[in-house]
Amino acid sequence: MTETKNINNTTSKEWLILITEFLSNRNSKSTKTISELLGSENKKYKRNERGSKFLIPKNTNLNYVAINPDLENTETDKPVTFLAFSGEKLNLKLNYLTELFPNVELVENTYDGGIQLFFNPVDNQFDFTAVACEIFTNYKTLDELNDVNINSISFMFKPNKLKTRAGYTMTD
């Protein structure tokens, strides 16, 4: 397992490297393990109403961490299917992502606007099968995005790619 003690004290490229190392080689199968590492449950969002389990992040550069599945009150752990991070201070750059995930598509998000950067397939060393970033801009090419700060990123763990109005997602 990767060295994770600094994952909550870094920003940008270092954080991306640490989180992807943690989410590799079968380290990240558990909602419980991920929750314990990254934050504490945000009780203001009620179960079965929120869609995801939201965490108050330990990393102060993040506004939230969301994990799926959202467990029932009687459940203690399940395999992770989706993990999202967002924070204004995260400030990822496109080249940080393309160094790790060279297969990227730019997809218009007709549901809520902006574009989705969708990275799939990813190397099989990773437990996740795709990475997505939402950017609320009108950029039309990847070349135009080199200097844009990317403040949210999602990791998906299911095997099949599905196109929706919001871009791509991964499903069973």
N, C-alpha and C. Protein backbone atom coordinates (compact mmCIF):
# COMPACT_ATOMS: atom_id res chain seq x y z
N MET A 1 0.85 -1.18 0.00
CA MET A 1 0.00 0.00 0.00
C MET A 1 0.89 1.24 0.00
N THR A 2 0.43 2.25 -0.64
CA THR A 2 1.19 3.49 -0.74
C THR A 2 1.35 4.20 0.60
N GLU A 3 2.33 5.04 0.69
CA GLU A 3 2.52 5.91 1.87
C GLU A 3 1.42 6.96 1.81
N THR A 4 0.50 6.93 2.76
CA THR A 4 -0.66 7.82 2.69
C THR A 4 -0.67 8.90 3.76
N LYS A 5 0.32 8.94 4.63
CA LYS A 5 0.25 9.87 5.75
C LYS A 5 0.20 11.33 5.30
N ASN A 6 0.75 11.65 4.13
CA ASN A 6 0.78 13.04 3.65
C ASN A 6 -0.35 13.38 2.69
N ILE A 7 -1.22 12.44 2.40
CA ILE A 7 -2.26 12.67 1.40
C ILE A 7 -3.19 13.83 1.78
N ASN A 8 -3.36 14.07 3.05
CA ASN A 8 -4.26 15.13 3.49
C ASN A 8 -3.53 16.45 3.74
N ASN A 9 -2.24 16.51 3.40
CA ASN A 9 -1.46 17.73 3.59
C ASN A 9 -0.81 18.21 2.30
N THR A 10 -1.35 17.80 1.17
CA THR A 10 -0.76 18.18 -0.11
C THR A 10 -1.82 18.79 -1.02
N THR A 11 -1.35 19.43 -2.06
CA THR A 11 -2.25 19.96 -3.08
C THR A 11 -1.77 19.50 -4.45
N SER A 12 -2.61 19.67 -5.42
CA SER A 12 -2.30 19.53 -6.83
C SER A 12 -1.61 18.25 -7.21
N LYS A 13 -0.45 18.37 -7.85
CA LYS A 13 0.19 17.21 -8.45
C LYS A 13 0.57 16.15 -7.42
N GLU A 14 1.14 16.55 -6.28
CA GLU A 14 1.50 15.58 -5.23
C GLU A 14 0.28 14.82 -4.75
N TRP A 15 -0.82 15.54 -4.53
CA TRP A 15 -2.05 14.91 -4.07
C TRP A 15 -2.54 13.90 -5.11
N LEU A 16 -2.54 14.30 -6.39
CA LEU A 16 -3.01 13.41 -7.45
C LEU A 16 -2.17 12.13 -7.49
N ILE A 17 -0.88 12.26 -7.37
CA ILE A 17 -0.01 11.08 -7.37
C ILE A 17 -0.32 10.18 -6.17
N LEU A 18 -0.46 10.78 -4.99
CA LEU A 18 -0.74 9.98 -3.79
C LEU A 18 -2.11 9.30 -3.84
N ILE A 19 -3.13 10.02 -4.30
CA ILE A 19 -4.46 9.42 -4.33
C ILE A 19 -4.53 8.31 -5.38
N THR A 20 -3.87 8.48 -6.52
CA THR A 20 -3.91 7.41 -7.52
C THR A 20 -3.08 6.21 -7.09
N GLU A 21 -1.99 6.44 -6.34
CA GLU A 21 -1.24 5.31 -5.79
C GLU A 21 -2.09 4.55 -4.78
N PHE A 22 -2.81 5.29 -3.95
CA PHE A 22 -3.69 4.65 -2.98
C PHE A 22 -4.79 3.86 -3.68
N LEU A 23 -5.29 4.38 -4.80
CA LEU A 23 -6.37 3.72 -5.54
C LEU A 23 -5.80 2.76 -6.60
N SER A 24 -4.73 2.08 -6.25
CA SER A 24 -4.12 1.12 -7.17
C SER A 24 -3.81 -0.20 -6.49
N ASN A 25 -3.63 -1.19 -7.32
CA ASN A 25 -3.20 -2.50 -6.85
C ASN A 25 -4.04 -3.06 -5.71
N ARG A 26 -5.34 -2.90 -5.84
CA ARG A 26 -6.34 -3.44 -4.91
C ARG A 26 -6.23 -2.89 -3.49
N ASN A 27 -5.78 -1.64 -3.38
CA ASN A 27 -5.70 -0.99 -2.07
C ASN A 27 -7.03 -0.39 -1.65
N SER A 28 -7.94 -0.16 -2.59
CA SER A 28 -9.06 0.73 -2.32
C SER A 28 -10.43 0.08 -2.50
N LYS A 29 -10.57 -1.13 -2.15
CA LYS A 29 -11.84 -1.82 -2.36
C LYS A 29 -12.93 -1.44 -1.37
N SER A 30 -12.60 -0.73 -0.32
CA SER A 30 -13.51 -0.59 0.81
C SER A 30 -13.95 0.85 1.05
N THR A 31 -15.27 1.05 1.17
CA THR A 31 -15.77 2.38 1.53
C THR A 31 -15.28 2.78 2.92
N LYS A 32 -15.18 1.82 3.81
CA LYS A 32 -14.72 2.09 5.17
C LYS A 32 -13.27 2.57 5.19
N THR A 33 -12.39 1.89 4.47
CA THR A 33 -10.98 2.27 4.42
C THR A 33 -10.81 3.66 3.85
N ILE A 34 -11.49 3.94 2.77
CA ILE A 34 -11.38 5.26 2.14
C ILE A 34 -11.93 6.34 3.05
N SER A 35 -13.07 6.08 3.67
CA SER A 35 -13.65 7.06 4.58
C SER A 35 -12.71 7.37 5.74
N GLU A 36 -12.14 6.34 6.35
CA GLU A 36 -11.24 6.54 7.49
C GLU A 36 -10.01 7.35 7.10
N LEU A 37 -9.50 7.15 5.89
CA LEU A 37 -8.32 7.87 5.44
C LEU A 37 -8.62 9.33 5.12
N LEU A 38 -9.75 9.60 4.48
CA LEU A 38 -9.97 10.90 3.86
C LEU A 38 -10.82 11.89 4.65
N GLY A 39 -11.62 11.43 5.59
CA GLY A 39 -12.45 12.40 6.31
C GLY A 39 -13.45 11.74 7.23
N SER A 40 -14.35 12.54 7.73
CA SER A 40 -15.41 12.04 8.59
C SER A 40 -16.76 12.32 7.92
N GLU A 41 -17.73 11.48 8.22
CA GLU A 41 -19.04 11.62 7.59
C GLU A 41 -19.66 12.98 7.91
N ASN A 42 -20.18 13.61 6.89
CA ASN A 42 -20.88 14.89 7.05
C ASN A 42 -22.34 14.57 7.36
N LYS A 43 -22.71 14.72 8.62
CA LYS A 43 -24.04 14.31 9.10
C LYS A 43 -25.16 15.23 8.61
N LYS A 44 -24.82 16.38 8.03
CA LYS A 44 -25.89 17.26 7.55
C LYS A 44 -26.61 16.68 6.34
N TYR A 45 -25.98 15.72 5.66
CA TYR A 45 -26.63 15.04 4.54
C TYR A 45 -27.17 13.71 5.03
N LYS A 46 -28.48 13.53 4.97
CA LYS A 46 -29.11 12.32 5.48
C LYS A 46 -28.95 11.17 4.50
N ARG A 47 -28.74 10.00 5.05
CA ARG A 47 -28.65 8.80 4.22
C ARG A 47 -29.94 8.61 3.44
N ASN A 48 -29.82 7.99 2.30
CA ASN A 48 -30.92 7.70 1.39
C ASN A 48 -31.52 8.95 0.76
N GLU A 49 -31.02 10.13 1.08
CA GLU A 49 -31.47 11.37 0.43
C GLU A 49 -30.34 11.99 -0.38
N ARG A 50 -29.13 11.58 -0.12
CA ARG A 50 -27.99 12.29 -0.66
C ARG A 50 -27.37 11.65 -1.90
N GLY A 51 -27.64 10.39 -2.18
CA GLY A 51 -27.05 9.74 -3.34
C GLY A 51 -25.65 9.20 -3.09
N SER A 52 -24.82 9.98 -2.44
CA SER A 52 -23.47 9.58 -2.07
C SER A 52 -23.27 9.83 -0.59
N LYS A 53 -22.28 9.17 -0.02
CA LYS A 53 -21.86 9.49 1.34
C LYS A 53 -20.89 10.66 1.22
N PHE A 54 -21.20 11.76 1.88
CA PHE A 54 -20.33 12.93 1.83
C PHE A 54 -19.47 12.97 3.08
N LEU A 55 -18.18 13.31 2.87
CA LEU A 55 -17.24 13.43 3.96
C LEU A 55 -16.82 14.88 4.16
N ILE A 56 -16.53 15.22 5.40
CA ILE A 56 -15.82 16.46 5.70
C ILE A 56 -14.35 16.10 5.54
N PRO A 57 -13.69 16.63 4.52
CA PRO A 57 -12.33 16.18 4.21
C PRO A 57 -11.31 16.58 5.28
N LYS A 58 -10.35 15.69 5.49
CA LYS A 58 -9.20 16.03 6.33
C LYS A 58 -8.29 17.02 5.61
N ASN A 59 -8.23 16.89 4.29
CA ASN A 59 -7.41 17.79 3.47
C ASN A 59 -8.16 19.12 3.33
N THR A 60 -7.61 20.17 3.89
CA THR A 60 -8.29 21.47 3.91
C THR A 60 -8.36 22.14 2.54
N ASN A 61 -7.69 21.57 1.54
CA ASN A 61 -7.79 22.10 0.19
C ASN A 61 -9.03 21.58 -0.54
N LEU A 62 -9.75 20.67 0.10
CA LEU A 62 -10.95 20.09 -0.49
C LEU A 62 -12.19 20.61 0.22
N ASN A 63 -13.26 20.83 -0.55
CA ASN A 63 -14.55 21.22 0.03
C ASN A 63 -15.35 19.98 0.41
N TYR A 64 -15.26 18.93 -0.42
CA TYR A 64 -15.98 17.71 -0.09
C TYR A 64 -15.33 16.50 -0.75
N VAL A 65 -15.64 15.35 -0.20
CA VAL A 65 -15.33 14.05 -0.76
C VAL A 65 -16.66 13.31 -0.79
N ALA A 66 -16.98 12.66 -1.90
CA ALA A 66 -18.22 11.88 -2.02
C ALA A 66 -17.86 10.45 -2.40
N ILE A 67 -18.50 9.50 -1.74
CA ILE A 67 -18.24 8.08 -1.97
C ILE A 67 -19.56 7.38 -2.28
N ASN A 68 -19.52 6.51 -3.27
CA ASN A 68 -20.64 5.60 -3.53
C ASN A 68 -20.10 4.19 -3.38
N PRO A 69 -20.93 3.28 -2.89
CA PRO A 69 -22.34 3.46 -2.57
C PRO A 69 -22.54 4.17 -1.24
N ASP A 70 -23.71 4.76 -1.11
CA ASP A 70 -24.15 5.34 0.15
C ASP A 70 -24.74 4.18 0.95
N LEU A 71 -24.09 3.81 2.03
CA LEU A 71 -24.49 2.61 2.77
C LEU A 71 -25.77 2.80 3.56
N GLU A 72 -26.50 1.73 3.71
CA GLU A 72 -27.67 1.72 4.59
C GLU A 72 -27.20 1.76 6.03
N ASN A 73 -28.07 2.13 6.95
CA ASN A 73 -27.70 2.21 8.36
C ASN A 73 -27.18 0.90 8.93
N THR A 74 -27.63 -0.22 8.40
CA THR A 74 -27.21 -1.52 8.90
C THR A 74 -25.92 -2.03 8.25
N GLU A 75 -25.43 -1.33 7.23
CA GLU A 75 -24.23 -1.76 6.51
C GLU A 75 -23.00 -1.04 7.06
N THR A 76 -21.87 -1.75 7.09
CA THR A 76 -20.63 -1.14 7.57
C THR A 76 -19.60 -0.94 6.47
N ASP A 77 -19.70 -1.71 5.39
CA ASP A 77 -18.69 -1.60 4.34
C ASP A 77 -19.19 -2.24 3.05
N LYS A 78 -18.72 -1.71 1.92
CA LYS A 78 -19.00 -2.27 0.60
C LYS A 78 -17.87 -1.86 -0.33
N PRO A 79 -17.75 -2.52 -1.47
CA PRO A 79 -16.76 -2.07 -2.45
C PRO A 79 -17.14 -0.69 -3.00
N VAL A 80 -16.14 0.12 -3.25
CA VAL A 80 -16.36 1.46 -3.78
C VAL A 80 -16.73 1.37 -5.26
N THR A 81 -17.71 2.19 -5.69
CA THR A 81 -18.07 2.26 -7.10
C THR A 81 -17.79 3.64 -7.71
N PHE A 82 -17.65 4.66 -6.85
CA PHE A 82 -17.45 6.04 -7.30
C PHE A 82 -16.83 6.83 -6.16
N LEU A 83 -15.88 7.70 -6.49
CA LEU A 83 -15.22 8.52 -5.50
C LEU A 83 -14.93 9.88 -6.14
N ALA A 84 -15.43 10.96 -5.52
CA ALA A 84 -15.28 12.30 -6.09
C ALA A 84 -14.68 13.25 -5.07
N PHE A 85 -13.86 14.17 -5.58
CA PHE A 85 -13.21 15.19 -4.76
C PHE A 85 -13.44 16.55 -5.41
N SER A 86 -13.66 17.57 -4.59
CA SER A 86 -13.81 18.91 -5.11
C SER A 86 -13.25 19.90 -4.10
N GLY A 87 -12.58 20.92 -4.63
CA GLY A 87 -12.05 21.97 -3.77
C GLY A 87 -11.40 23.06 -4.60
N GLU A 88 -11.71 24.31 -4.28
CA GLU A 88 -11.17 25.43 -5.03
C GLU A 88 -9.65 25.49 -4.98
N LYS A 89 -9.05 24.98 -3.93
CA LYS A 89 -7.59 25.01 -3.80
C LYS A 89 -6.92 23.78 -4.39
N LEU A 90 -7.68 22.85 -4.96
CA LEU A 90 -7.09 21.64 -5.52
C LEU A 90 -6.20 21.97 -6.71
N ASN A 91 -6.69 22.75 -7.65
CA ASN A 91 -5.90 23.29 -8.77
C ASN A 91 -5.06 22.28 -9.54
N LEU A 92 -5.71 21.26 -10.07
CA LEU A 92 -5.04 20.31 -10.94
C LEU A 92 -4.89 20.93 -12.32
N LYS A 93 -3.88 20.51 -13.05
CA LYS A 93 -3.66 20.95 -14.42
C LYS A 93 -3.86 19.75 -15.35
N LEU A 94 -4.24 20.04 -16.58
CA LEU A 94 -4.48 18.98 -17.56
C LEU A 94 -3.26 18.09 -17.72
N ASN A 95 -2.06 18.67 -17.76
CA ASN A 95 -0.87 17.83 -17.97
C ASN A 95 -0.60 16.90 -16.79
N TYR A 96 -1.02 17.24 -15.57
CA TYR A 96 -0.88 16.31 -14.44
C TYR A 96 -1.70 15.05 -14.72
N LEU A 97 -2.88 15.26 -15.29
CA LEU A 97 -3.79 14.15 -15.56
C LEU A 97 -3.34 13.33 -16.76
N THR A 98 -2.95 14.01 -17.84
CA THR A 98 -2.56 13.27 -19.05
C THR A 98 -1.25 12.51 -18.87
N GLU A 99 -0.41 12.92 -17.92
CA GLU A 99 0.79 12.13 -17.62
C GLU A 99 0.41 10.76 -17.06
N LEU A 100 -0.64 10.71 -16.27
CA LEU A 100 -1.10 9.46 -15.67
C LEU A 100 -2.10 8.71 -16.55
N PHE A 101 -2.95 9.47 -17.24
CA PHE A 101 -4.05 8.89 -18.02
C PHE A 101 -4.04 9.50 -19.42
N PRO A 102 -3.30 8.93 -20.35
CA PRO A 102 -3.16 9.54 -21.68
C PRO A 102 -4.41 9.47 -22.56
N ASN A 103 -5.35 8.58 -22.26
CA ASN A 103 -6.55 8.43 -23.08
C ASN A 103 -7.64 9.37 -22.57
N VAL A 104 -7.82 10.50 -23.24
CA VAL A 104 -8.77 11.51 -22.76
C VAL A 104 -9.69 11.95 -23.89
N GLU A 105 -10.95 12.15 -23.54
CA GLU A 105 -11.95 12.70 -24.46
C GLU A 105 -12.53 13.96 -23.85
N LEU A 106 -12.82 14.91 -24.68
CA LEU A 106 -13.51 16.13 -24.29
C LEU A 106 -14.96 15.96 -24.70
N VAL A 107 -15.89 16.00 -23.72
CA VAL A 107 -17.29 15.70 -23.98
C VAL A 107 -18.15 16.85 -23.48
N GLU A 108 -19.05 17.32 -24.32
CA GLU A 108 -19.96 18.38 -23.90
C GLU A 108 -20.95 17.84 -22.87
N ASN A 109 -21.17 18.61 -21.82
CA ASN A 109 -22.14 18.26 -20.79
C ASN A 109 -23.41 19.07 -21.10
N THR A 110 -24.35 18.45 -21.76
CA THR A 110 -25.58 19.15 -22.12
C THR A 110 -26.59 19.19 -20.97
N TYR A 111 -26.32 18.45 -19.91
CA TYR A 111 -27.22 18.42 -18.76
C TYR A 111 -27.05 19.65 -17.87
N ASP A 112 -25.81 19.90 -17.37
CA ASP A 112 -25.60 21.08 -16.55
C ASP A 112 -24.63 22.08 -17.12
N GLY A 113 -24.20 21.90 -18.35
CA GLY A 113 -23.31 22.86 -19.00
C GLY A 113 -21.85 22.51 -18.80
N GLY A 114 -21.01 23.22 -19.49
CA GLY A 114 -19.58 22.99 -19.41
C GLY A 114 -19.17 21.76 -20.20
N ILE A 115 -18.00 21.24 -19.83
CA ILE A 115 -17.47 20.07 -20.52
C ILE A 115 -16.97 19.05 -19.49
N GLN A 116 -16.83 17.84 -19.95
CA GLN A 116 -16.27 16.78 -19.14
C GLN A 116 -14.97 16.33 -19.81
N LEU A 117 -13.92 16.19 -19.02
CA LEU A 117 -12.71 15.51 -19.46
C LEU A 117 -12.86 14.08 -18.97
N PHE A 118 -12.87 13.14 -19.89
CA PHE A 118 -13.11 11.75 -19.51
C PHE A 118 -11.90 10.92 -19.91
N PHE A 119 -11.27 10.32 -18.91
CA PHE A 119 -10.06 9.53 -19.10
C PHE A 119 -10.41 8.05 -18.98
N ASN A 120 -10.34 7.34 -20.12
CA ASN A 120 -10.70 5.94 -20.16
C ASN A 120 -10.24 5.36 -21.48
N PRO A 121 -9.66 4.18 -21.52
CA PRO A 121 -9.35 3.33 -20.37
C PRO A 121 -8.13 3.86 -19.62
N VAL A 122 -7.98 3.39 -18.38
CA VAL A 122 -6.81 3.70 -17.57
C VAL A 122 -6.00 2.43 -17.38
N ASP A 123 -4.76 2.58 -17.01
CA ASP A 123 -3.87 1.44 -16.80
C ASP A 123 -4.48 0.48 -15.77
N ASN A 124 -4.31 -0.81 -15.99
CA ASN A 124 -4.93 -1.78 -15.09
C ASN A 124 -4.26 -1.89 -13.72
N GLN A 125 -3.20 -1.13 -13.47
CA GLN A 125 -2.64 -1.06 -12.11
C GLN A 125 -3.61 -0.36 -11.16
N PHE A 126 -4.48 0.47 -11.73
CA PHE A 126 -5.42 1.22 -10.91
C PHE A 126 -6.67 0.39 -10.64
N ASP A 127 -7.25 0.58 -9.46
CA ASP A 127 -8.50 -0.09 -9.11
C ASP A 127 -9.67 0.53 -9.85
N PHE A 128 -9.59 1.80 -10.20
CA PHE A 128 -10.66 2.49 -10.91
C PHE A 128 -10.53 2.25 -12.41
N THR A 129 -11.62 2.43 -13.12
CA THR A 129 -11.65 2.16 -14.56
C THR A 129 -11.72 3.43 -15.41
N ALA A 130 -12.05 4.57 -14.77
CA ALA A 130 -12.14 5.83 -15.50
C ALA A 130 -11.99 6.99 -14.52
N VAL A 131 -11.63 8.14 -15.08
CA VAL A 131 -11.49 9.38 -14.32
C VAL A 131 -12.26 10.45 -15.09
N ALA A 132 -12.98 11.30 -14.37
CA ALA A 132 -13.72 12.38 -15.03
C ALA A 132 -13.48 13.69 -14.27
N CYS A 133 -13.43 14.77 -15.03
CA CYS A 133 -13.32 16.11 -14.46
C CYS A 133 -14.36 16.98 -15.15
N GLU A 134 -15.09 17.74 -14.37
CA GLU A 134 -16.09 18.67 -14.91
C GLU A 134 -15.49 20.07 -14.90
N ILE A 135 -15.59 20.74 -16.05
CA ILE A 135 -15.10 22.11 -16.16
C ILE A 135 -16.22 22.93 -16.77
N PHE A 136 -16.61 23.97 -16.08
CA PHE A 136 -17.73 24.77 -16.55
C PHE A 136 -17.23 25.95 -17.36
N THR A 137 -16.77 25.61 -18.57
CA THR A 137 -16.26 26.60 -19.52
C THR A 137 -16.81 26.28 -20.90
N ASN A 138 -16.47 27.10 -21.85
CA ASN A 138 -16.90 26.84 -23.23
C ASN A 138 -15.74 26.41 -24.11
N TYR A 139 -14.68 25.87 -23.53
CA TYR A 139 -13.54 25.42 -24.32
C TYR A 139 -13.96 24.27 -25.22
N LYS A 140 -13.37 24.24 -26.41
CA LYS A 140 -13.75 23.21 -27.38
C LYS A 140 -12.63 22.22 -27.70
N THR A 141 -11.37 22.56 -27.31
CA THR A 141 -10.25 21.65 -27.58
C THR A 141 -9.40 21.49 -26.33
N LEU A 142 -8.68 20.37 -26.27
CA LEU A 142 -7.79 20.13 -25.14
C LEU A 142 -6.67 21.16 -25.08
N ASP A 143 -6.19 21.63 -26.23
CA ASP A 143 -5.11 22.63 -26.25
C ASP A 143 -5.50 23.89 -25.51
N GLU A 144 -6.75 24.25 -25.52
CA GLU A 144 -7.22 25.46 -24.84
C GLU A 144 -7.28 25.29 -23.32
N LEU A 145 -7.14 24.07 -22.82
CA LEU A 145 -7.32 23.81 -21.40
C LEU A 145 -6.02 23.69 -20.60
N ASN A 146 -4.88 23.90 -21.24
CA ASN A 146 -3.61 23.68 -20.56
C ASN A 146 -3.41 24.51 -19.30
N ASP A 147 -3.91 25.72 -19.25
CA ASP A 147 -3.69 26.59 -18.10
C ASP A 147 -4.89 26.69 -17.16
N VAL A 148 -5.95 25.96 -17.46
CA VAL A 148 -7.16 26.02 -16.64
C VAL A 148 -6.95 25.22 -15.35
N ASN A 149 -7.40 25.77 -14.21
CA ASN A 149 -7.37 25.03 -12.95
C ASN A 149 -8.55 24.08 -12.90
N ILE A 150 -8.26 22.82 -12.65
CA ILE A 150 -9.29 21.79 -12.52
C ILE A 150 -9.47 21.54 -11.04
N ASN A 151 -10.67 21.81 -10.54
CA ASN A 151 -10.91 21.78 -9.11
C ASN A 151 -11.75 20.61 -8.63
N SER A 152 -12.14 19.71 -9.54
CA SER A 152 -12.89 18.53 -9.11
C SER A 152 -12.50 17.36 -9.98
N ILE A 153 -12.50 16.19 -9.36
CA ILE A 153 -12.11 14.97 -10.07
C ILE A 153 -12.91 13.80 -9.49
N SER A 154 -13.32 12.90 -10.38
CA SER A 154 -14.08 11.71 -9.97
C SER A 154 -13.38 10.46 -10.48
N PHE A 155 -13.37 9.44 -9.65
CA PHE A 155 -12.83 8.14 -10.02
C PHE A 155 -14.00 7.15 -10.05
N MET A 156 -14.09 6.40 -11.16
CA MET A 156 -15.19 5.45 -11.34
C MET A 156 -14.62 4.04 -11.37
N PHE A 157 -15.35 3.08 -10.80
CA PHE A 157 -14.83 1.74 -10.59
C PHE A 157 -15.60 0.65 -11.32
N LYS A 158 -16.54 0.99 -12.15
CA LYS A 158 -17.34 -0.02 -12.85
C LYS A 158 -16.78 -0.28 -14.25
N PRO A 159 -17.16 -1.39 -14.90
CA PRO A 159 -16.46 -1.81 -16.12
C PRO A 159 -16.93 -1.22 -17.45
N ASN A 160 -18.16 -0.76 -17.56
CA ASN A 160 -18.69 -0.39 -18.87
C ASN A 160 -18.97 1.10 -19.00
N LYS A 161 -18.56 1.66 -20.12
CA LYS A 161 -18.72 3.09 -20.41
C LYS A 161 -20.12 3.35 -20.98
N LEU A 162 -20.77 4.40 -20.46
CA LEU A 162 -22.12 4.77 -20.89
C LEU A 162 -22.17 6.27 -21.11
N LYS A 163 -22.66 6.69 -22.26
CA LYS A 163 -22.80 8.12 -22.54
C LYS A 163 -24.15 8.61 -22.03
N THR A 164 -24.12 9.74 -21.29
CA THR A 164 -25.33 10.37 -20.79
C THR A 164 -25.32 11.84 -21.22
N ARG A 165 -26.34 12.58 -20.85
CA ARG A 165 -26.37 14.01 -21.18
C ARG A 165 -25.28 14.78 -20.43
N ALA A 166 -24.82 14.27 -19.30
CA ALA A 166 -23.78 14.94 -18.52
C ALA A 166 -22.37 14.51 -18.94
N GLY A 167 -22.25 13.62 -19.92
CA GLY A 167 -20.97 13.10 -20.35
C GLY A 167 -20.97 11.60 -20.16
N TYR A 168 -19.81 11.05 -19.91
CA TYR A 168 -19.69 9.60 -19.73
C TYR A 168 -19.74 9.23 -18.25
N THR A 169 -20.19 8.02 -18.00
CA THR A 169 -20.13 7.40 -16.69
C THR A 169 -19.78 5.94 -16.89
N MET A 170 -19.47 5.25 -15.82
CA MET A 170 -19.18 3.83 -15.89
C MET A 170 -20.27 3.07 -15.15
N THR A 171 -20.68 1.95 -15.72
CA THR A 171 -21.78 1.16 -15.19
C THR A 171 -21.44 -0.32 -15.27
N ASP A 172 -22.31 -1.16 -14.65
CA ASP A 172 -22.12 -2.62 -14.72
C ASP A 172 -22.50 -3.16 -16.07
